[in-house]
Each structure stands twice: as C-alpha cells, then as structure tokens.
Amino acid sequence: MVLRFLLRYLANNDHLIQRMAESYPLRRAAQMVVSIMYRTKNMAQERGLHEMTPERFKSFIALFKNNLKKEIGGVKDEIKKKPFR
C-alpha cells in the first residue's frame, strides 16, 4: 500500500519526471529501444517475417529478447565505466 502511494506520488512529480527524462541512463535507454526497433523492423523485412507462422514468431521473439539483453548489458557496462556526475 505504501509502495503504491510512493510510486503514484513520484509519477505525479513533474520536476522529478523532467529530471529523469534528461538523465543520461534514460536517454540512452530510449535510444537503444529505438535502435532495436529499427533493426528488428529491417531484419523482419529482410527475412520475410511479416508472413510468419507461430513457431517462427516465437523464434523471432526469442532472438529479439536475446539481443535486448545484450544491449542492456552493454549499456550497464558503459554506465559502470563512466564516472558519477
């Protein structure tokens, strides 16, 4: 109950939301999501995945998930290497 209240308070705090939106980790995460989206879109078009069976869709999702984990791991490593501001 307290956690829900706290999350609702934080979500409605415009100043905090603005500061978070301007932070490097969130901007980098947004860049990664857009990059992954375009790469997977291009990959789907190249491989003809727009006409896929359920099995192929599951395989595609697994590949996407693995790529996403790799990208997130890379960003985590980047963040660890950068000095704290």
Foldseek 3Di string as FASTA:
>chain_A
DVVVVVVVVCVPPVVNVVVVCPDPVNVVVVVVVVVLVVVLVVVCVVVVVVPPDPVVVVVSVVVSVVVVVVVVVVVVVVVVPDDDD
